[in-house]
């Protein structure tokens, strides 16, 4: 291995370790005053306050956070990080993304001996990897939240029937249930304790958690406060509906498991085969993109057609196995 390449790899790894050390050294929680101040702000002001409270005196990310403050894509990314419960600022997330691009490109250069296609492939993978992780974390947290809604409604109904107020029943939910639902209900209780109306606090929670079931619950509670009625009976009916929906979703997931596995195999198998052939015989597979004249054109056409075919098959199978309940 050439000394320049080795120095590039070691430098990239050192930078990666430095950034993660800075991220891990940030304090895990925020001051109570900062959290309570956030709860009284509007949506746009709340996101700006989150950015301001999350800034830390880091020599790498402080300037980047300041430059990104107020930009629409930064505010949207900040909201996504909050929904995924990822303890990173926008600047730190972008810094990690850039580092992964550099590391991926460096590994591609070393493994392929300087082949530009392989370098770009791993660099693009480094760009999309944090985004994929963020989307997966959001989906995982939302799924966990939806799975806890039925238990939350049962506790609310039992508390209301035993004489608790809505606020006291929510406090009991925040104490008894695990995150992420207890965290969100705890924020609702804190907002009401500092003077916000229940309509505003529930709207804030619905903005943080994009759940259709939660939207149904919030709408029912708002209507009940306007027209009256037995809130315990209403929530009990909604709880039964949500339990049935979760049960049906589980049955659908079982019946479509084979299709989802086929989708993953369809996407992953061609990529794995190409990487395996490149590692054991790079000259053989390299003719697809390193040929001359007509051979080069045919090779690139085969690559493009293969990518388009795999992509079309992925979306087709995904559409088939995606059944709304």
Foldseek 3Di string as FASTA:
>chain_A
DDPVLVVLLVVLVVVLVVLVVVLVPDDPDFDPVLLLVLLPDDLLVNLLSVLVRLADPDPQQNVVSVVCRPDPVQSVVSLLCLLLVPSDHSSSLVVQLQSQLSNQLSVQCVLQVHDPVSSVVRSVVSNCVSVVVSVVSNVVQLVVQLVCLLVLLVQQLVCVVVPDDNLVSLQVVLVPDDPDNSVLSVSLSSSVVVPDDNLSSLVVSCSSHVDPLSVVLSVLVVVCVVPNDDNSVVSVVSSVVSVVVVVVVVVLCVVCVVLVVVLCCLPPVVVVVLVVCCNVPVVVSVQLCPPDDPSNVVSVVVVVVSVVVSVVVNVVSVVVSDDDD
